[in-house]
C-alpha atoms as a PDB file:
ATOM      1  CA  MET A   1      -2.914  -8.574 -22.089  1.00  0.00           C
ATOM      2  CA  GLY A   2      -5.218  -8.291 -19.083  1.00  0.00           C
ATOM      3  CA  LEU A   3      -6.300  -5.257 -17.100  1.00  0.00           C
ATOM      4  CA  LEU A   4      -3.644  -5.790 -14.430  1.00  0.00           C
ATOM      5  CA  ASP A   5      -0.992  -6.211 -17.140  1.00  0.00           C
ATOM      6  CA  LEU A   6      -1.374  -2.667 -18.527  1.00  0.00           C
ATOM      7  CA  PRO A   7       1.798  -1.332 -16.803  1.00  0.00           C
ATOM      8  CA  ALA A   8       3.801  -4.426 -17.883  1.00  0.00           C
ATOM      9  CA  PRO A   9       5.518  -2.744 -20.900  1.00  0.00           C
ATOM     10  CA  VAL A  10       6.842  -0.005 -18.608  1.00  0.00           C
ATOM     11  CA  PHE A  11       7.967  -2.606 -16.055  1.00  0.00           C
ATOM     12  CA  ASP A  12       9.714  -4.516 -18.854  1.00  0.00           C
ATOM     13  CA  LEU A  13      11.648  -1.402 -19.871  1.00  0.00           C
ATOM     14  CA  ILE A  14      12.821  -0.854 -16.299  1.00  0.00           C
ATOM     15  CA  HIS A  15      13.705  -4.542 -15.958  1.00  0.00           C
ATOM     16  CA  ARG A  16      15.804  -4.516 -19.127  1.00  0.00           C
ATOM     17  CA  ALA A  17      17.615  -1.398 -17.928  1.00  0.00           C
ATOM     18  CA  LEU A  18      18.433  -3.071 -14.589  1.00  0.00           C
ATOM     19  CA  GLN A  19      19.467  -6.450 -16.015  1.00  0.00           C
ATOM     20  CA  GLY A  20      23.210  -6.900 -15.848  1.00  0.00           C
ATOM     21  CA  ARG A  21      23.532  -4.032 -13.383  1.00  0.00           C
ATOM     22  CA  LEU A  22      21.793  -5.616 -10.397  1.00  0.00           C
ATOM     23  CA  PRO A  23      21.532  -9.257  -9.280  1.00  0.00           C
ATOM     24  CA  ALA A  24      18.015 -10.671  -9.109  1.00  0.00           C
ATOM     25  CA  PHE A  25      17.726 -10.335  -5.322  1.00  0.00           C
ATOM     26  CA  ALA A  26      18.726  -6.654  -5.443  1.00  0.00           C
ATOM     27  CA  GLU A  27      16.349  -5.869  -8.314  1.00  0.00           C
ATOM     28  CA  LEU A  28      13.499  -7.626  -6.521  1.00  0.00           C
ATOM     29  CA  ALA A  29      14.254  -5.669  -3.335  1.00  0.00           C
ATOM     30  CA  LEU A  30      14.088  -2.475  -5.411  1.00  0.00           C
ATOM     31  CA  TRP A  31      10.667  -3.470  -6.817  1.00  0.00           C
ATOM     32  CA  ALA A  32       9.506  -4.201  -3.262  1.00  0.00           C
ATOM     33  CA  ALA A  33      10.714  -0.795  -2.068  1.00  0.00           C
ATOM     34  CA  MET A  34       9.027   1.027  -4.961  1.00  0.00           C
ATOM     35  CA  SER A  35       5.781  -0.876  -4.401  1.00  0.00           C
ATOM     36  CA  ALA A  36       5.843  -0.118  -0.675  1.00  0.00           C
ATOM     37  CA  CYS A  37       6.520   3.579  -1.322  1.00  0.00           C
ATOM     38  CA  ALA A  38       3.628   3.797  -3.781  1.00  0.00           C
ATOM     39  CA  SER A  39       1.234   1.968  -1.442  1.00  0.00           C
ATOM     40  CA  MET A  40       2.150   3.990   1.643  1.00  0.00           C
ATOM     41  CA  ALA A  41       2.000   7.271  -0.290  1.00  0.00           C
ATOM     42  CA  ILE A  42      -1.527   6.451  -1.499  1.00  0.00           C
ATOM     43  CA  TYR A  43      -2.611   5.463   2.004  1.00  0.00           C
ATOM     44  CA  ARG A  44      -1.151   8.618   3.579  1.00  0.00           C
ATOM     45  CA  ARG A  45      -2.724  10.813   0.915  1.00  0.00           C
ATOM     46  CA  ILE A  46      -6.309   9.524   1.107  1.00  0.00           C
ATOM     47  CA  SER A  47      -6.594   8.518   4.773  1.00  0.00           C
ATOM     48  CA  PRO A  48      -7.699  11.136   7.368  1.00  0.00           C
ATOM     49  CA  GLN A  49      -4.367  11.219   9.170  1.00  0.00           C
ATOM     50  CA  ALA A  50      -5.263  14.080  11.525  1.00  0.00           C
ATOM     51  CA  ARG A  51      -8.340  12.237  12.828  1.00  0.00           C
ATOM     52  CA  LEU A  52      -6.440   8.929  12.989  1.00  0.00           C
ATOM     53  CA  HIS A  53      -3.682  10.505  15.095  1.00  0.00           C
ATOM     54  CA  ALA A  54      -6.315  11.973  17.421  1.00  0.00           C
ATOM     55  CA  LEU A  55      -8.031   8.587  17.704  1.00  0.00           C
ATOM     56  CA  ALA A  56      -4.743   6.816  18.430  1.00  0.00           C
ATOM     57  CA  ALA A  57      -3.844   9.341  21.147  1.00  0.00           C
ATOM     58  CA  GLU A  58      -7.269   9.019  22.793  1.00  0.00           C
ATOM     59  CA  ILE A  59      -7.119   5.219  22.643  1.00  0.00           C
ATOM     60  CA  ARG A  60      -3.698   5.258  24.359  1.00  0.00           C
ATOM     61  CA  VAL A  61      -4.975   7.513  27.151  1.00  0.00           C
ATOM     62  CA  LEU A  62      -8.081   5.389  27.714  1.00  0.00           C
ATOM     63  CA  SER A  63      -6.033   2.177  27.610  1.00  0.00           C
ATOM     64  CA  GLN A  64      -3.783   3.520  30.345  1.00  0.00           C
ATOM     65  CA  LYS A  65      -6.840   4.455  32.411  1.00  0.00           C
ATOM     66  CA  LEU A  66      -8.290   1.017  31.831  1.00  0.00           C
ATOM     67  CA  ALA A  67      -5.058  -0.692  32.902  1.00  0.00           C
ATOM     68  CA  GLY A  68      -5.045   1.194  36.202  1.00  0.00           C
ATOM     69  CA  TYR A  69      -8.808   1.295  36.802  1.00  0.00           C
ATOM     70  CA  ASP A  70      -9.925   0.331  40.295  1.00  0.00           C
ATOM     71  CA  GLY A  71     -13.522   1.529  40.381  1.00  0.00           C
ATOM     72  CA  GLY A  72     -16.978   0.062  39.961  1.00  0.00           C
ATOM     73  CA  PHE A  73     -18.310  -2.061  37.132  1.00  0.00           C
ATOM     74  CA  ALA A  74     -20.347   0.774  35.585  1.00  0.00           C
ATOM     75  CA  GLY A  75     -17.220   2.894  35.116  1.00  0.00           C
ATOM     76  CA  LEU A  76     -15.315  -0.097  33.747  1.00  0.00           C
ATOM     77  CA  ARG A  77     -18.088  -0.810  31.259  1.00  0.00           C
ATOM     78  CA  SER A  78     -18.063   2.837  30.153  1.00  0.00           C
ATOM     79  CA  LEU A  79     -14.284   2.777  29.586  1.00  0.00           C
ATOM     80  CA  ILE A  80     -14.392  -0.505  27.659  1.00  0.00           C
ATOM     81  CA  GLY A  81     -17.277   0.731  25.499  1.00  0.00           C
ATOM     82  CA  ARG A  82     -15.445   3.944  24.681  1.00  0.00           C
ATOM     83  CA  VAL A  83     -12.217   2.118  23.737  1.00  0.00           C
ATOM     84  CA  LEU A  84     -14.175  -0.302  21.567  1.00  0.00           C
ATOM     85  CA  ALA A  85     -16.042   2.530  19.831  1.00  0.00           C
ATOM     86  CA  LEU A  86     -12.804   4.388  19.092  1.00  0.00           C
ATOM     87  CA  ASN A  87     -11.140   1.261  17.702  1.00  0.00           C
ATOM     88  CA  LEU A  88     -14.119   0.593  15.465  1.00  0.00           C
ATOM     89  CA  GLU A  89     -14.002   4.174  14.192  1.00  0.00           C
ATOM     90  CA  HIS A  90     -10.266   3.766  13.531  1.00  0.00           C
ATOM     91  CA  LEU A  91     -10.953   0.579  11.570  1.00  0.00           C
ATOM     92  CA  ALA A  92     -13.740   2.204   9.564  1.00  0.00           C
ATOM     93  CA  LYS A  93     -11.574   5.171   8.592  1.00  0.00           C
ATOM     94  CA  THR A  94      -8.620   3.008   7.515  1.00  0.00           C
ATOM     95  CA  PHE A  95     -10.469   0.234   5.657  1.00  0.00           C
ATOM     96  CA  ALA A  96     -11.086   1.988   2.321  1.00  0.00           C
ATOM     97  CA  PRO A  97      -7.645   3.692   2.205  1.00  0.00           C
ATOM     98  CA  ALA A  98      -5.984   0.334   2.965  1.00  0.00           C
ATOM     99  CA  LEU A  99      -7.848  -1.281   0.041  1.00  0.00           C
ATOM    100  CA  ALA A 100      -6.863   1.557  -2.290  1.00  0.00           C
ATOM    101  CA  SER A 101      -3.230   1.353  -1.202  1.00  0.00           C
ATOM    102  CA  SER A 102      -3.087  -2.280  -2.352  1.00  0.00           C
ATOM    103  CA  LEU A 103      -3.525  -1.253  -6.017  1.00  0.00           C
ATOM    104  CA  PRO A 104       0.233  -0.938  -6.731  1.00  0.00           C
ATOM    105  CA  LEU A 105       0.717  -4.511  -5.533  1.00  0.00           C
ATOM    106  CA  LEU A 106      -2.160  -5.775  -7.685  1.00  0.00           C
ATOM    107  CA  PHE A 107      -0.433  -4.356 -10.760  1.00  0.00           C
ATOM    108  CA  VAL A 108       3.134  -5.388  -9.948  1.00  0.00           C
ATOM    109  CA  LEU A 109       2.565  -8.921  -8.590  1.00  0.00           C
ATOM    110  CA  PRO A 110       1.413 -10.525 -11.889  1.00  0.00           C
ATOM    111  CA  TRP A 111       4.382  -9.016 -13.719  1.00  0.00           C
ATOM    112  CA  LEU A 112       6.816 -10.162 -11.020  1.00  0.00           C
ATOM    113  CA  SER A 113       5.379 -13.670 -11.252  1.00  0.00           C
ATOM    114  CA  ASP A 114       5.875 -13.698 -15.033  1.00  0.00           C
ATOM    115  CA  THR A 115       9.441 -12.390 -14.687  1.00  0.00           C
ATOM    116  CA  PHE A 116      10.867 -14.075 -11.580  1.00  0.00           C
ATOM    117  CA  GLU A 117       8.898 -17.322 -11.153  1.00  0.00           C
ATOM    118  CA  TYR A 118      10.884 -19.578 -13.487  1.00  0.00           C
ATOM    119  CA  ALA A 119      14.400 -19.641 -14.838  1.00  0.00           C
ATOM    120  CA  PRO A 120      14.363 -19.511 -18.667  1.00  0.00           C
ATOM    121  CA  PRO A 121      15.686 -22.813 -20.028  1.00  0.00           C
ATOM    122  CA  THR A 122      18.982 -22.648 -21.859  1.00  0.00           C
ATOM    123  CA  PRO A 123      18.912 -23.806 -25.494  1.00  0.00           C
ATOM    124  CA  GLY A 124      19.620 -27.516 -25.667  1.00  0.00           C
ATOM    125  CA  SER A 125      18.474 -28.278 -22.112  1.00  0.00           C
ATOM    126  CA  THR A 126      15.864 -31.003 -21.617  1.00  0.00           C
ATOM    127  CA  VAL A 127      12.354 -29.907 -20.623  1.00  0.00           C
ATOM    128  CA  THR A 128       9.369 -32.171 -20.026  1.00  0.00           C
ATOM    129  CA  VAL A 129       6.268 -30.994 -21.899  1.00  0.00           C
ATOM    130  CA  THR A 130       2.772 -32.362 -21.334  1.00  0.00           C
ATOM    131  CA  ALA A 131      -0.287 -31.619 -23.456  1.00  0.00           C
ATOM    132  CA  ALA A 132      -3.925 -31.969 -22.429  1.00  0.00           C
ATOM    133  CA  PRO A 133      -5.830 -32.736 -25.632  1.00  0.00           C
ATOM    134  CA  ILE A 134      -9.546 -32.120 -25.931  1.00  0.00           C
ATOM    135  CA  ALA A 135     -11.214 -35.418 -25.046  1.00  0.00           C
ATOM    136  CA  SER A 136     -13.562 -35.445 -28.037  1.00  0.00           C
ATOM    137  CA  VAL A 137     -10.760 -34.843 -30.546  1.00  0.00           C
ATOM    138  CA  ALA A 138      -8.394 -37.521 -31.778  1.00  0.00           C
ATOM    139  CA  THR A 139      -4.640 -36.878 -31.605  1.00  0.00           C
ATOM    140  CA  GLN A 140      -3.990 -34.487 -34.489  1.00  0.00           C
ATOM    141  CA  TYR A 141      -0.765 -32.681 -33.647  1.00  0.00           C
ATOM    142  CA  GLU A 142       2.984 -33.160 -33.877  1.00  0.00           C
ATOM    143  CA  TRP A 143       6.288 -31.477 -33.117  1.00  0.00           C
ATOM    144  CA  VAL A 144       8.357 -30.031 -35.939  1.00  0.00           C
ATOM    145  CA  PRO A 145      11.118 -31.198 -35.814  1.00  0.00           C
ATOM    146  CA  PRO A 146       9.891 -34.433 -34.133  1.00  0.00           C
ATOM    147  CA  GLN A 147      10.523 -34.852 -30.402  1.00  0.00           C
ATOM    148  CA  PRO A 148      10.778 -38.098 -28.394  1.00  0.00           C
ATOM    149  CA  ALA A 149       7.639 -39.025 -26.470  1.00  0.00           C
ATOM    150  CA  ILE A 150       7.909 -40.262 -22.886  1.00  0.00           C
ATOM    151  CA  SER A 151       7.373 -44.010 -22.786  1.00  0.00           C
ATOM    152  CA  GLY A 152       3.998 -44.951 -21.301  1.00  0.00           C
ATOM    153  CA  ALA A 153       2.826 -41.328 -21.019  1.00  0.00           C
ATOM    154  CA  HIS A 154      -0.023 -39.823 -22.995  1.00  0.00           C
ATOM    155  CA  SER A 155       0.896 -36.651 -24.883  1.00  0.00           C
ATOM    156  CA  ALA A 156       4.142 -36.043 -23.003  1.00  0.00           C
ATOM    157  CA  TRP A 157       7.620 -35.436 -24.385  1.00  0.00           C
ATOM    158  CA  ARG A 158      11.140 -34.617 -23.286  1.00  0.00           C
ATOM    159  CA  ILE A 159      12.193 -31.918 -25.685  1.00  0.00           C
ATOM    160  CA  ALA A 160      15.494 -30.190 -26.294  1.00  0.00           C
ATOM    161  CA  TRP A 161      14.698 -26.540 -25.619  1.00  0.00           C
ATOM    162  CA  PRO A 162      15.162 -24.610 -28.869  1.00  0.00           C
ATOM    163  CA  SER A 163      16.866 -21.309 -29.559  1.00  0.00           C
ATOM    164  CA  ALA A 164      15.138 -18.297 -31.101  1.00  0.00           C
ATOM    165  CA  GLU A 165      17.053 -18.901 -34.328  1.00  0.00           C
ATOM    166  CA  ARG A 166      15.826 -22.505 -34.616  1.00  0.00           C
ATOM    167  CA  PRO A 167      12.309 -22.594 -33.112  1.00  0.00           C
ATOM    168  CA  LEU A 168      10.332 -25.705 -32.281  1.00  0.00           C
ATOM    169  CA  LEU A 169       6.723 -25.867 -33.466  1.00  0.00           C
ATOM    170  CA  LEU A 170       3.756 -27.782 -32.130  1.00  0.00           C
ATOM    171  CA  ARG A 171       1.647 -28.148 -35.214  1.00  0.00           C
ATOM    172  CA  ALA A 172      -1.773 -29.568 -35.978  1.00  0.00           C
ATOM    173  CA  ILE A 173      -2.008 -32.041 -38.793  1.00  0.00           C
ATOM    174  CA  GLY A 174      -2.465 -29.851 -41.836  1.00  0.00           C
ATOM    175  CA  ASP A 175       0.355 -27.385 -41.016  1.00  0.00           C
ATOM    176  CA  ARG A 176      -1.634 -25.217 -38.599  1.00  0.00           C
ATOM    177  CA  GLU A 177       0.704 -23.817 -35.934  1.00  0.00           C
ATOM    178  CA  LEU A 178      -0.515 -24.321 -32.342  1.00  0.00           C
ATOM    179  CA  LEU A 179       2.529 -23.249 -30.340  1.00  0.00           C
ATOM    180  CA  ARG A 180       6.018 -21.920 -31.023  1.00  0.00           C
ATOM    181  CA  LEU A 181       8.999 -22.407 -28.726  1.00  0.00           C
ATOM    182  CA  PRO A 182      10.926 -20.753 -27.147  1.00  0.00           C
ATOM    183  CA  LEU A 183       8.264 -18.843 -25.240  1.00  0.00           C
ATOM    184  CA  ALA A 184       8.254 -15.060 -24.964  1.00  0.00           C
ATOM    185  CA  LYS A 185       8.524 -15.490 -21.187  1.00  0.00           C
ATOM    186  CA  PRO A 186       9.147 -18.641 -19.128  1.00  0.00           C
ATOM    187  CA  VAL A 187       5.709 -19.784 -17.944  1.00  0.00           C
ATOM    188  CA  ALA A 188       4.557 -23.156 -16.659  1.00  0.00           C
ATOM    189  CA  VAL A 189       1.333 -23.340 -18.686  1.00  0.00           C
ATOM    190  CA  VAL A 190       0.046 -22.155 -22.048  1.00  0.00           C
ATOM    191  CA  GLN A 191      -3.650 -22.771 -22.598  1.00  0.00           C
ATOM    192  CA  VAL A 192      -6.714 -21.662 -24.475  1.00  0.00           C
ATOM    193  CA  ARG A 193      -7.725 -18.131 -23.536  1.00  0.00           C
ATOM    194  CA  SER A 194     -10.355 -18.136 -20.773  1.00  0.00           C
ATOM    195  CA  SER A 195     -12.700 -15.527 -19.331  1.00  0.00           C
ATOM    196  CA  TRP A 196     -10.425 -14.590 -16.423  1.00  0.00           C
ATOM    197  CA  ASN A 197      -7.617 -13.589 -18.813  1.00  0.00           C
ATOM    198  CA  TRP A 198      -9.288 -10.181 -19.185  1.00  0.00           C
ATOM    199  CA  LEU A 199      -7.830  -9.512 -15.722  1.00  0.00           C
ATOM    200  CA  ILE A 200      -4.440 -11.252 -15.938  1.00  0.00           C
ATOM    201  CA  GLY A 201      -3.110 -12.349 -19.300  1.00  0.00           C
ATOM    202  CA  ASN A 202      -0.559 -14.984 -20.225  1.00  0.00           C
ATOM    203  CA  PRO A 203       2.639 -13.295 -21.471  1.00  0.00           C
ATOM    204  CA  ALA A 204       3.470 -16.370 -23.580  1.00  0.00           C
ATOM    205  CA  GLY A 205       0.211 -16.166 -25.529  1.00  0.00           C
ATOM    206  CA  TYR A 206      -2.562 -18.726 -25.954  1.00  0.00           C
ATOM    207  CA  LEU A 207      -3.475 -21.866 -27.805  1.00  0.00           C
ATOM    208  CA  PRO A 208      -6.083 -21.597 -30.599  1.00  0.00           C
ATOM    209  CA  GLN A 209      -9.654 -21.700 -29.327  1.00  0.00           C
ATOM    210  CA  ASP A 210     -10.680 -24.296 -31.911  1.00  0.00           C
ATOM    211  CA  GLY A 211      -7.500 -26.358 -31.748  1.00  0.00           C
ATOM    212  CA  PRO A 212      -7.109 -29.970 -30.563  1.00  0.00           C
ATOM    213  CA  ILE A 213      -5.299 -29.063 -27.312  1.00  0.00           C
ATOM    214  CA  GLU A 214      -6.554 -27.263 -24.194  1.00  0.00           C
ATOM    215  CA  THR A 215      -3.315 -26.942 -22.217  1.00  0.00           C
ATOM    216  CA  VAL A 216       0.426 -27.378 -22.672  1.00  0.00           C
ATOM    217  CA  ALA A 217       2.448 -27.566 -19.412  1.00  0.00           C
ATOM    218  CA  PHE A 218       6.210 -27.132 -19.055  1.00  0.00           C
ATOM    219  CA  ASP A 219       8.329 -28.545 -16.240  1.00  0.00           C
ATOM    220  CA  LEU A 220      10.525 -25.455 -15.878  1.00  0.00           C
ATOM    221  CA  PRO A 221      13.150 -25.001 -13.159  1.00  0.00           C
ATOM    222  CA  PRO A 222      12.073 -22.518 -10.452  1.00  0.00           C
ATOM    223  CA  LEU A 223      14.163 -19.384 -10.167  1.00  0.00           C
ATOM    224  CA  GLU A 224      15.897 -19.105  -6.777  1.00  0.00           C
ATOM    225  CA  ILE A 225      16.279 -15.561  -5.477  1.00  0.00           C
ATOM    226  CA  VAL A 226      18.047 -16.628  -2.273  1.00  0.00           C
ATOM    227  CA  HIS A 227      20.117 -19.786  -2.007  1.00  0.00           C
ATOM    228  CA  PHE A 228      19.532 -20.779   1.607  1.00  0.00           C
ATOM    229  CA  GLY A 229      16.622 -21.955   3.749  1.00  0.00           C
ATOM    230  CA  PRO A 230      13.779 -24.309   2.794  1.00  0.00           C
ATOM    231  CA  SER A 231      12.989 -24.669  -0.897  1.00  0.00           C
ATOM    232  CA  TRP A 232       9.582 -22.934  -0.592  1.00  0.00           C
ATOM    233  CA  ALA A 233      11.271 -19.793   0.787  1.00  0.00           C
ATOM    234  CA  ARG A 234      13.844 -19.408  -1.979  1.00  0.00           C
ATOM    235  CA  GLY A 235      11.531 -18.040  -4.646  1.00  0.00           C
ATOM    236  CA  TRP A 236      10.571 -14.478  -5.439  1.00  0.00           C
ATOM    237  CA  LEU A 237       7.287 -14.182  -3.511  1.00  0.00           C
ATOM    238  CA  PRO A 238       8.449 -14.764   0.124  1.00  0.00           C
ATOM    239  CA  TYR A 239      11.499 -12.579  -0.475  1.00  0.00           C
ATOM    240  CA  PHE A 240       9.452  -9.808  -2.110  1.00  0.00           C
ATOM    241  CA  LEU A 241       6.826  -9.791   0.653  1.00  0.00           C
ATOM    242  CA  CYS A 242       9.463  -9.638   3.386  1.00  0.00           C
ATOM    243  CA  CYS A 243      11.194  -6.702   1.685  1.00  0.00           C
ATOM    244  CA  ALA A 244       7.893  -4.901   1.012  1.00  0.00           C
ATOM    245  CA  ILE A 245       6.659  -5.332   4.597  1.00  0.00           C
ATOM    246  CA  ALA A 246       9.985  -4.162   6.045  1.00  0.00           C
ATOM    247  CA  CYS A 247       9.984  -1.086   3.810  1.00  0.00           C
ATOM    248  CA  SER A 248       6.336  -0.323   4.640  1.00  0.00           C
ATOM    249  CA  LEU A 249       7.017  -0.477   8.373  1.00  0.00           C
ATOM    250  CA  LEU A 250      10.028   1.811   7.956  1.00  0.00           C
ATOM    251  CA  LEU A 251       7.988   4.335   5.957  1.00  0.00           C
ATOM    252  CA  LYS A 252       5.168   4.158   8.498  1.00  0.00           C
ATOM    253  CA  ARG A 253       7.622   5.182  11.183  1.00  0.00           C
ATOM    254  CA  LEU A 254       9.436   7.831   9.122  1.00  0.00           C
ATOM    255  CA  TRP A 255       6.218   9.410   7.785  1.00  0.00           C
ATOM    256  CA  ARG A 256       4.383   9.011  11.108  1.00  0.00           C
ATOM    257  CA  ILE A 257       1.459   7.249   9.482  1.00  0.00           C
ATOM    258  CA  GLU A 258      -1.453   5.912  11.517  1.00  0.00           C
END
């Protein structure tokens, strides 16, 4: 588990409570709304709203003066300089609060990816699996029970996805277990733990550091949240971002946030 995965057990509890009660698109919209509320609440709490409102009001007045200005260049330059200075002050006062308000998204996005990126294969369905063996190590692994290799491919198989009651093992010669299927969560890749996993972990676990394989990839079906539009827009991320942005804009208006 990585640093950004620390809230994942709590998210899993909420997800299990919502499963069967809400369809995926409604649950994802709820996560987007909660994330937007948390982000906007943090921003409103730590940003100097009184000063930001005063800056916005002064910028509007000066912009109106600038739009109707009909004087000399010196006065125009003074107006433009003042508007620019106020906008820069506004940016400076919102930059740090905006960064802090992104923290809820940083924690929820990895969990959403693990949960809504791929549809879990049904037991018995065919899944293509590809292994990337360590170049300096000879092939020293096998499936238990054996699985048919893809003709002409190196370390690739079409496996029948197992059930939890009858797992499928990828085993090194000598009975050392490298990987057990089905996975804890549907992920596209299981690999040896790397340095960046301290930040975001793999919910399906890792391959042994001293094993003969670096990576095992699974050709899993993507989970469609919406069933219309181009294929790239049917997944969880575009839908989540649209819902989160819409909710943030609504809260900005309701809470009068600058």
